[in-house]
N, C-alpha and C. Protein backbone atom coordinates (compact mmCIF):
# COMPACT_ATOMS: atom_id res chain seq x y z
N MET A 1 98.51 115.88 59.63
CA MET A 1 98.88 117.27 59.81
C MET A 1 97.63 118.11 59.62
N SER A 2 97.57 119.22 60.31
CA SER A 2 96.45 120.14 60.15
C SER A 2 97.01 121.54 60.09
N SER A 3 96.21 122.47 59.57
CA SER A 3 96.69 123.84 59.51
C SER A 3 96.53 124.48 60.88
N SER A 4 97.37 125.47 61.14
CA SER A 4 97.28 126.15 62.43
C SER A 4 96.04 127.03 62.45
N PRO A 5 95.54 127.41 63.64
CA PRO A 5 94.33 128.22 63.72
C PRO A 5 94.49 129.56 63.01
N SER A 6 95.70 130.06 62.89
CA SER A 6 95.90 131.36 62.24
C SER A 6 96.01 131.22 60.73
N GLY A 7 95.88 130.01 60.22
CA GLY A 7 95.95 129.80 58.79
C GLY A 7 97.38 129.67 58.29
N GLY A 8 98.33 129.60 59.21
CA GLY A 8 99.74 129.48 58.86
C GLY A 8 100.07 128.08 58.39
N PRO A 9 101.35 127.75 58.42
CA PRO A 9 101.75 126.42 57.94
C PRO A 9 101.16 125.32 58.81
N PRO A 10 101.01 124.15 58.23
CA PRO A 10 100.43 123.03 58.99
C PRO A 10 101.31 122.67 60.19
N ARG A 11 100.67 122.18 61.24
CA ARG A 11 101.40 121.70 62.40
C ARG A 11 101.23 120.19 62.49
N ALA A 12 102.24 119.54 62.97
CA ALA A 12 102.19 118.08 63.11
C ALA A 12 101.50 117.73 64.41
N TRP A 13 100.73 116.65 64.40
CA TRP A 13 100.14 116.14 65.62
C TRP A 13 101.24 115.50 66.44
N PRO A 14 101.14 115.56 67.77
CA PRO A 14 102.19 114.94 68.58
C PRO A 14 102.17 113.42 68.39
N GLU A 15 103.35 112.82 68.53
CA GLU A 15 103.44 111.36 68.50
C GLU A 15 102.60 110.81 69.64
N ARG A 16 102.03 109.64 69.42
CA ARG A 16 101.22 109.00 70.46
C ARG A 16 102.08 108.15 71.37
N CYS A 17 101.62 108.01 72.59
CA CYS A 17 102.27 107.11 73.55
C CYS A 17 102.14 105.69 73.03
N PRO A 18 103.12 104.85 73.32
CA PRO A 18 102.99 103.45 72.91
C PRO A 18 101.84 102.78 73.65
N ILE A 19 101.20 101.83 72.98
CA ILE A 19 100.19 101.00 73.62
C ILE A 19 100.89 99.72 74.04
N ILE A 20 100.79 99.40 75.33
CA ILE A 20 101.48 98.25 75.90
C ILE A 20 100.52 97.07 75.97
N THR A 21 100.95 95.94 75.46
CA THR A 21 100.16 94.71 75.57
C THR A 21 101.05 93.65 76.22
N GLY A 22 100.51 93.00 77.25
CA GLY A 22 101.30 91.99 77.93
C GLY A 22 100.47 91.11 78.84
N ARG A 23 101.12 90.13 79.40
CA ARG A 23 100.48 89.18 80.31
C ARG A 23 100.48 89.77 81.72
N ALA A 24 99.36 89.61 82.41
CA ALA A 24 99.22 90.14 83.77
C ALA A 24 99.75 89.15 84.80
N TRP A 25 100.38 89.72 85.83
CA TRP A 25 100.76 88.99 87.04
C TRP A 25 100.09 89.71 88.19
N ALA A 26 99.04 89.14 88.75
CA ALA A 26 98.25 89.78 89.79
C ALA A 26 98.78 89.40 91.17
N PHE A 27 99.08 90.42 91.99
CA PHE A 27 99.62 90.18 93.32
C PHE A 27 98.71 90.65 94.45
N GLY A 28 97.57 91.23 94.13
CA GLY A 28 96.58 91.57 95.15
C GLY A 28 96.96 92.73 96.03
N LEU A 29 96.44 92.69 97.26
CA LEU A 29 96.58 93.80 98.21
C LEU A 29 97.90 93.76 98.98
N ASP A 30 98.22 94.91 99.54
CA ASP A 30 99.32 95.04 100.51
C ASP A 30 100.69 94.64 99.96
N VAL A 31 100.97 95.01 98.73
CA VAL A 31 102.29 94.77 98.16
C VAL A 31 103.16 95.98 98.48
N THR A 32 104.00 95.83 99.49
CA THR A 32 104.87 96.92 99.92
C THR A 32 106.18 96.90 99.12
N ALA A 33 106.94 97.97 99.25
CA ALA A 33 108.24 98.05 98.57
C ALA A 33 109.13 96.88 98.96
N ASP A 34 109.10 96.49 100.22
CA ASP A 34 109.95 95.40 100.70
C ASP A 34 109.57 94.05 100.08
N LEU A 35 108.34 93.91 99.63
CA LEU A 35 107.91 92.67 98.97
C LEU A 35 108.24 92.67 97.49
N ILE A 36 108.42 93.85 96.91
CA ILE A 36 108.76 93.94 95.49
C ILE A 36 110.21 93.50 95.29
N VAL A 37 111.11 94.11 96.02
CA VAL A 37 112.52 93.68 96.08
C VAL A 37 112.96 93.86 97.52
N PRO A 38 113.43 92.80 98.16
CA PRO A 38 113.89 92.94 99.54
C PRO A 38 114.97 94.04 99.63
N PRO A 39 114.87 94.92 100.62
CA PRO A 39 115.80 96.06 100.70
C PRO A 39 117.28 95.65 100.70
N GLU A 40 117.58 94.53 101.30
CA GLU A 40 118.98 94.10 101.33
C GLU A 40 119.50 93.66 99.96
N ARG A 41 118.60 93.49 99.01
CA ARG A 41 118.98 93.08 97.65
C ARG A 41 119.07 94.25 96.67
N LEU A 42 118.63 95.45 97.06
CA LEU A 42 118.64 96.59 96.15
C LEU A 42 120.06 96.99 95.73
N SER A 43 121.05 96.71 96.56
CA SER A 43 122.42 97.08 96.21
C SER A 43 123.16 95.96 95.47
N ASP A 44 122.51 94.83 95.25
CA ASP A 44 123.12 93.75 94.47
C ASP A 44 123.36 94.22 93.03
N ALA A 45 124.23 93.52 92.33
CA ALA A 45 124.52 93.86 90.93
C ALA A 45 123.28 93.71 90.04
N ALA A 46 122.39 92.79 90.38
CA ALA A 46 121.19 92.54 89.57
C ALA A 46 119.98 92.34 90.49
N PRO A 47 119.49 93.42 91.11
CA PRO A 47 118.37 93.26 92.05
C PRO A 47 117.09 92.75 91.38
N GLU A 48 116.98 92.88 90.06
CA GLU A 48 115.79 92.38 89.37
C GLU A 48 115.63 90.87 89.54
N ARG A 49 116.69 90.17 89.86
CA ARG A 49 116.61 88.72 90.09
C ARG A 49 115.79 88.38 91.33
N TYR A 50 115.51 89.37 92.15
CA TYR A 50 114.77 89.16 93.40
C TYR A 50 113.36 89.76 93.35
N LEU A 51 112.95 90.18 92.15
CA LEU A 51 111.64 90.82 92.00
C LEU A 51 110.53 89.90 92.48
N MET A 52 109.78 90.35 93.46
CA MET A 52 108.60 89.67 94.02
C MET A 52 108.93 88.33 94.69
N THR A 53 110.19 88.04 94.93
CA THR A 53 110.54 86.74 95.52
C THR A 53 110.02 86.54 96.94
N PRO A 54 109.81 87.59 97.74
CA PRO A 54 109.20 87.32 99.05
C PRO A 54 107.77 86.76 98.94
N ILE A 55 107.10 87.05 97.83
CA ILE A 55 105.74 86.55 97.60
C ILE A 55 105.78 85.24 96.81
N ASP A 56 106.61 85.21 95.78
CA ASP A 56 106.70 84.06 94.89
C ASP A 56 108.16 83.86 94.49
N PRO A 57 108.88 82.97 95.18
CA PRO A 57 110.31 82.80 94.90
C PRO A 57 110.65 82.45 93.45
N ALA A 58 109.73 81.83 92.73
CA ALA A 58 109.99 81.43 91.35
C ALA A 58 109.62 82.52 90.33
N PHE A 59 109.06 83.62 90.80
CA PHE A 59 108.54 84.64 89.89
C PHE A 59 109.55 85.13 88.86
N PRO A 60 110.77 85.51 89.24
CA PRO A 60 111.69 86.05 88.22
C PRO A 60 111.93 85.09 87.05
N GLY A 61 111.88 83.82 87.28
CA GLY A 61 112.08 82.83 86.22
C GLY A 61 110.89 82.69 85.29
N ARG A 62 109.73 83.11 85.73
CA ARG A 62 108.52 83.00 84.91
C ARG A 62 108.17 84.30 84.20
N LEU A 63 108.68 85.41 84.70
CA LEU A 63 108.41 86.72 84.11
C LEU A 63 109.04 86.79 82.73
N GLU A 64 108.29 87.34 81.78
CA GLU A 64 108.80 87.53 80.42
C GLU A 64 108.81 89.01 80.10
N PRO A 65 109.74 89.46 79.27
CA PRO A 65 109.76 90.88 78.89
C PRO A 65 108.41 91.31 78.34
N GLY A 66 107.93 92.45 78.80
CA GLY A 66 106.65 92.96 78.35
C GLY A 66 105.48 92.62 79.25
N ASP A 67 105.72 91.80 80.28
CA ASP A 67 104.64 91.46 81.21
C ASP A 67 104.26 92.67 82.05
N ILE A 68 103.08 92.58 82.66
CA ILE A 68 102.50 93.69 83.42
C ILE A 68 102.20 93.19 84.83
N ILE A 69 102.67 93.94 85.83
CA ILE A 69 102.37 93.59 87.22
C ILE A 69 101.13 94.35 87.68
N VAL A 70 100.23 93.64 88.37
CA VAL A 70 98.97 94.21 88.84
C VAL A 70 98.90 94.10 90.36
N GLY A 71 98.49 95.17 91.01
CA GLY A 71 98.37 95.17 92.46
C GLY A 71 97.13 95.91 92.92
N GLY A 72 96.95 95.95 94.22
CA GLY A 72 95.80 96.62 94.81
C GLY A 72 96.13 98.04 95.24
N GLY A 73 95.61 98.44 96.38
CA GLY A 73 95.81 99.80 96.88
C GLY A 73 97.15 99.97 97.56
N GLY A 74 97.71 101.17 97.46
CA GLY A 74 98.97 101.50 98.12
C GLY A 74 100.14 100.67 97.62
N PHE A 75 100.10 100.27 96.36
CA PHE A 75 101.17 99.44 95.80
C PHE A 75 102.51 100.12 96.03
N ALA A 76 103.49 99.36 96.49
CA ALA A 76 104.87 99.82 96.75
C ALA A 76 104.95 100.76 97.95
N ALA A 77 104.05 100.60 98.90
CA ALA A 77 104.09 101.44 100.10
C ALA A 77 105.46 101.36 100.75
N GLY A 78 105.97 102.52 101.14
CA GLY A 78 107.28 102.60 101.77
C GLY A 78 108.44 102.77 100.81
N ALA A 79 108.14 102.89 99.52
CA ALA A 79 109.21 103.05 98.53
C ALA A 79 109.87 104.42 98.68
N ASN A 80 111.19 104.44 98.62
CA ASN A 80 111.90 105.71 98.65
C ASN A 80 113.22 105.63 97.91
N ASP A 81 113.42 104.58 97.12
CA ASP A 81 114.69 104.35 96.45
C ASP A 81 114.45 104.10 94.96
N PRO A 82 115.03 104.92 94.10
CA PRO A 82 114.82 104.72 92.66
C PRO A 82 115.36 103.37 92.15
N ARG A 83 116.25 102.74 92.92
CA ARG A 83 116.75 101.42 92.50
C ARG A 83 115.63 100.39 92.45
N LEU A 84 114.58 100.59 93.25
CA LEU A 84 113.43 99.69 93.21
C LEU A 84 112.76 99.76 91.84
N VAL A 85 112.54 100.96 91.37
CA VAL A 85 111.91 101.15 90.05
C VAL A 85 112.83 100.60 88.96
N ARG A 86 114.13 100.87 89.07
CA ARG A 86 115.08 100.37 88.06
C ARG A 86 115.05 98.84 88.02
N ALA A 87 114.93 98.20 89.17
CA ALA A 87 114.88 96.73 89.20
C ALA A 87 113.65 96.22 88.46
N ILE A 88 112.52 96.90 88.62
CA ILE A 88 111.30 96.50 87.91
C ILE A 88 111.49 96.65 86.41
N ILE A 89 112.04 97.78 85.99
CA ILE A 89 112.29 98.02 84.57
C ILE A 89 113.30 97.00 84.03
N ASP A 90 114.39 96.80 84.76
CA ASP A 90 115.44 95.88 84.29
C ASP A 90 114.95 94.43 84.22
N ALA A 91 113.93 94.09 84.98
CA ALA A 91 113.35 92.74 84.91
C ALA A 91 112.52 92.56 83.64
N GLY A 92 112.21 93.66 82.95
CA GLY A 92 111.44 93.58 81.72
C GLY A 92 109.96 93.90 81.87
N VAL A 93 109.55 94.36 83.04
CA VAL A 93 108.14 94.71 83.26
C VAL A 93 107.82 95.93 82.40
N ALA A 94 106.75 95.84 81.62
CA ALA A 94 106.37 96.92 80.71
C ALA A 94 105.53 97.98 81.39
N ALA A 95 104.73 97.59 82.38
CA ALA A 95 103.83 98.54 83.04
C ALA A 95 103.35 97.94 84.35
N LEU A 96 102.84 98.83 85.20
CA LEU A 96 102.19 98.44 86.44
C LEU A 96 100.77 98.95 86.41
N VAL A 97 99.85 98.16 86.93
CA VAL A 97 98.45 98.55 87.06
C VAL A 97 98.06 98.28 88.50
N ALA A 98 97.47 99.26 89.18
CA ALA A 98 97.05 99.07 90.56
C ALA A 98 95.87 99.98 90.87
N PHE A 99 95.22 99.70 91.99
CA PHE A 99 94.16 100.61 92.45
C PHE A 99 94.78 101.96 92.81
N SER A 100 95.93 101.92 93.50
CA SER A 100 96.66 103.15 93.83
C SER A 100 98.12 102.79 94.10
N PHE A 101 98.97 103.79 94.01
CA PHE A 101 100.40 103.63 94.26
C PHE A 101 100.81 104.52 95.41
N ASP A 102 101.81 104.08 96.16
CA ASP A 102 102.47 104.95 97.13
C ASP A 102 102.90 106.21 96.36
N THR A 103 102.66 107.39 96.94
CA THR A 103 102.93 108.63 96.19
C THR A 103 104.40 108.80 95.85
N THR A 104 105.30 108.42 96.74
CA THR A 104 106.73 108.52 96.43
C THR A 104 107.08 107.55 95.31
N PHE A 105 106.55 106.33 95.36
CA PHE A 105 106.81 105.36 94.30
C PHE A 105 106.28 105.88 92.97
N ALA A 106 105.09 106.46 92.95
CA ALA A 106 104.52 106.97 91.70
C ALA A 106 105.43 108.04 91.11
N ARG A 107 105.95 108.91 91.95
CA ARG A 107 106.87 109.96 91.48
C ARG A 107 108.14 109.34 90.92
N LEU A 108 108.71 108.36 91.62
CA LEU A 108 109.92 107.68 91.15
C LEU A 108 109.68 106.95 89.83
N ALA A 109 108.54 106.28 89.72
CA ALA A 109 108.22 105.55 88.50
C ALA A 109 108.13 106.51 87.31
N LEU A 110 107.47 107.62 87.49
CA LEU A 110 107.35 108.61 86.42
C LEU A 110 108.73 109.13 86.03
N ALA A 111 109.56 109.45 87.01
CA ALA A 111 110.90 109.98 86.74
C ALA A 111 111.77 108.97 85.99
N GLU A 112 111.60 107.68 86.29
CA GLU A 112 112.40 106.64 85.65
C GLU A 112 111.80 106.13 84.35
N GLY A 113 110.56 106.56 84.03
CA GLY A 113 109.94 106.14 82.78
C GLY A 113 109.20 104.83 82.84
N LEU A 114 108.72 104.46 84.04
CA LEU A 114 107.94 103.24 84.21
C LEU A 114 106.46 103.60 84.22
N ILE A 115 105.69 103.04 83.32
CA ILE A 115 104.25 103.29 83.27
C ILE A 115 103.60 102.65 84.48
N ALA A 116 102.89 103.45 85.27
CA ALA A 116 102.20 102.98 86.48
C ALA A 116 100.83 103.65 86.50
N VAL A 117 99.79 102.89 86.15
CA VAL A 117 98.46 103.46 86.02
C VAL A 117 97.51 102.93 87.08
N GLU A 118 96.59 103.79 87.47
CA GLU A 118 95.61 103.46 88.50
C GLU A 118 94.24 103.22 87.88
N VAL A 119 93.63 102.10 88.25
CA VAL A 119 92.27 101.77 87.82
C VAL A 119 91.49 101.28 89.03
N ASN A 120 90.20 101.52 89.05
CA ASN A 120 89.37 101.08 90.18
C ASN A 120 89.27 99.56 90.28
N GLU A 121 89.32 98.88 89.15
CA GLU A 121 89.03 97.44 89.11
C GLU A 121 90.27 96.56 89.09
N SER A 122 91.38 97.01 89.64
CA SER A 122 92.62 96.22 89.53
C SER A 122 92.48 94.81 90.13
N LEU A 123 91.68 94.66 91.17
CA LEU A 123 91.54 93.35 91.80
C LEU A 123 90.70 92.37 90.96
N ALA A 124 90.06 92.87 89.89
CA ALA A 124 89.31 91.99 88.99
C ALA A 124 90.22 91.36 87.94
N ILE A 125 91.46 91.81 87.88
CA ILE A 125 92.42 91.29 86.89
C ILE A 125 93.16 90.11 87.51
N HIS A 126 93.20 89.01 86.78
CA HIS A 126 93.83 87.78 87.27
C HIS A 126 95.12 87.48 86.52
N THR A 127 96.00 86.77 87.18
CA THR A 127 97.25 86.33 86.55
C THR A 127 96.93 85.56 85.27
N GLY A 128 97.68 85.89 84.24
CA GLY A 128 97.51 85.22 82.94
C GLY A 128 96.65 86.00 81.97
N ALA A 129 95.87 86.95 82.46
CA ALA A 129 95.05 87.75 81.55
C ALA A 129 95.95 88.55 80.61
N ARG A 130 95.51 88.74 79.39
CA ARG A 130 96.22 89.61 78.44
C ARG A 130 95.65 91.00 78.60
N LEU A 131 96.52 91.97 78.86
CA LEU A 131 96.11 93.36 79.07
C LEU A 131 96.67 94.26 77.98
N ARG A 132 95.91 95.29 77.67
CA ARG A 132 96.38 96.37 76.80
C ARG A 132 96.27 97.66 77.59
N VAL A 133 97.40 98.35 77.78
CA VAL A 133 97.43 99.63 78.49
C VAL A 133 97.54 100.72 77.43
N ASP A 134 96.48 101.51 77.31
CA ASP A 134 96.39 102.57 76.32
C ASP A 134 96.35 103.91 77.06
N LEU A 135 97.51 104.55 77.19
CA LEU A 135 97.58 105.81 77.92
C LEU A 135 96.76 106.90 77.24
N GLU A 136 96.89 107.04 75.93
CA GLU A 136 96.17 108.08 75.20
C GLU A 136 94.65 107.87 75.31
N GLY A 137 94.23 106.62 75.27
CA GLY A 137 92.80 106.30 75.39
C GLY A 137 92.34 106.25 76.83
N THR A 138 93.25 106.43 77.76
CA THR A 138 93.01 106.40 79.22
C THR A 138 92.20 105.17 79.64
N ARG A 139 92.69 104.00 79.19
CA ARG A 139 92.00 102.77 79.60
C ARG A 139 92.97 101.59 79.56
N VAL A 140 92.65 100.64 80.41
CA VAL A 140 93.29 99.33 80.38
C VAL A 140 92.22 98.37 79.89
N VAL A 141 92.53 97.60 78.88
CA VAL A 141 91.59 96.64 78.34
C VAL A 141 92.08 95.23 78.69
N ASN A 142 91.20 94.46 79.31
CA ASN A 142 91.49 93.07 79.59
C ASN A 142 91.07 92.29 78.34
N LEU A 143 92.04 91.92 77.52
CA LEU A 143 91.75 91.23 76.27
C LEU A 143 91.21 89.83 76.49
N SER A 144 91.45 89.28 77.68
CA SER A 144 90.95 87.94 77.99
C SER A 144 89.47 87.95 78.33
N SER A 145 89.00 89.01 78.98
CA SER A 145 87.60 89.06 79.39
C SER A 145 86.78 90.08 78.60
N GLY A 146 87.44 91.01 77.94
CA GLY A 146 86.74 92.08 77.23
C GLY A 146 86.45 93.29 78.11
N ASP A 147 86.76 93.21 79.40
CA ASP A 147 86.49 94.33 80.31
C ASP A 147 87.43 95.50 80.00
N ARG A 148 86.91 96.71 80.26
CA ARG A 148 87.69 97.94 80.08
C ARG A 148 87.68 98.70 81.40
N TYR A 149 88.86 99.17 81.79
CA TYR A 149 89.01 99.86 83.06
C TYR A 149 89.57 101.26 82.80
N PRO A 150 88.82 102.31 83.13
CA PRO A 150 89.33 103.67 82.93
C PRO A 150 90.54 103.94 83.82
N ILE A 151 91.55 104.58 83.24
CA ILE A 151 92.74 104.98 83.99
C ILE A 151 92.45 106.31 84.67
N ARG A 152 92.75 106.40 85.98
CA ARG A 152 92.43 107.60 86.75
C ARG A 152 93.56 108.62 86.83
N ASN A 153 94.80 108.20 86.65
CA ASN A 153 95.91 109.09 86.97
C ASN A 153 96.69 109.61 85.76
N VAL A 154 96.07 109.70 84.61
CA VAL A 154 96.77 110.20 83.42
C VAL A 154 96.40 111.66 83.19
N SER A 155 97.45 112.49 83.08
CA SER A 155 97.28 113.91 82.78
C SER A 155 98.06 114.22 81.50
N ASP A 156 97.92 115.43 81.01
CA ASP A 156 98.69 115.83 79.83
C ASP A 156 100.19 115.72 80.09
N ALA A 157 100.62 116.12 81.29
CA ALA A 157 102.05 116.04 81.63
C ALA A 157 102.50 114.57 81.67
N TYR A 158 101.65 113.69 82.17
CA TYR A 158 101.97 112.27 82.22
C TYR A 158 102.14 111.73 80.80
N LEU A 159 101.20 112.09 79.92
CA LEU A 159 101.28 111.63 78.53
C LEU A 159 102.57 112.13 77.87
N GLU A 160 102.91 113.38 78.11
CA GLU A 160 104.13 113.95 77.52
C GLU A 160 105.36 113.15 77.93
N ARG A 161 105.40 112.64 79.15
CA ARG A 161 106.54 111.87 79.62
C ARG A 161 106.74 110.60 78.80
N PHE A 162 105.65 110.02 78.30
CA PHE A 162 105.74 108.74 77.61
C PHE A 162 105.59 108.85 76.10
N ARG A 163 105.39 110.05 75.58
CA ARG A 163 105.35 110.21 74.12
C ARG A 163 106.78 110.14 73.58
N PRO A 164 106.91 109.55 72.39
CA PRO A 164 108.26 109.50 71.78
C PRO A 164 108.79 110.92 71.60
N ARG A 165 110.06 111.09 71.87
CA ARG A 165 110.72 112.38 71.73
C ARG A 165 111.14 112.59 70.28
N GLU A 166 110.97 113.83 69.81
CA GLU A 166 111.46 114.16 68.48
C GLU A 166 112.96 114.31 68.53
N SER A 167 113.64 113.86 67.47
CA SER A 167 115.09 113.99 67.49
C SER A 167 115.55 115.22 66.75
């Protein structure tokens, strides 16, 4: 706590965003919305069972809660359905890291509370790497290699979305 600039009562510092640590699943370039979950599966009772199956049919069985999906540029191109984001969240994915996201997908992810951060070096991250996503520190740390990647798309409004809410 610190005192206010006017010398009044102390003010509390805002709660910090959670730091996410998880295993990376790297999918590379050209991962469109249709490859994340086939459109015909979005209306299924559990579309998360089809997450990334057009690329890797066994993926849903290997994914563990807290894992992080990594992609290249234009990740989720063509996304326009919030059920896609819900399927990613319901599968247990803690965060997404990519060079860039489809703008509609980025908006949907933010609205649904899915952390989706942009870094220049996303293609340097390999499957199995341990990652730490630190929104407040605006960096992704590859704990396996020691590399640090600055996050490009974090603003004060973005941080506010992921800070714990006061009750």
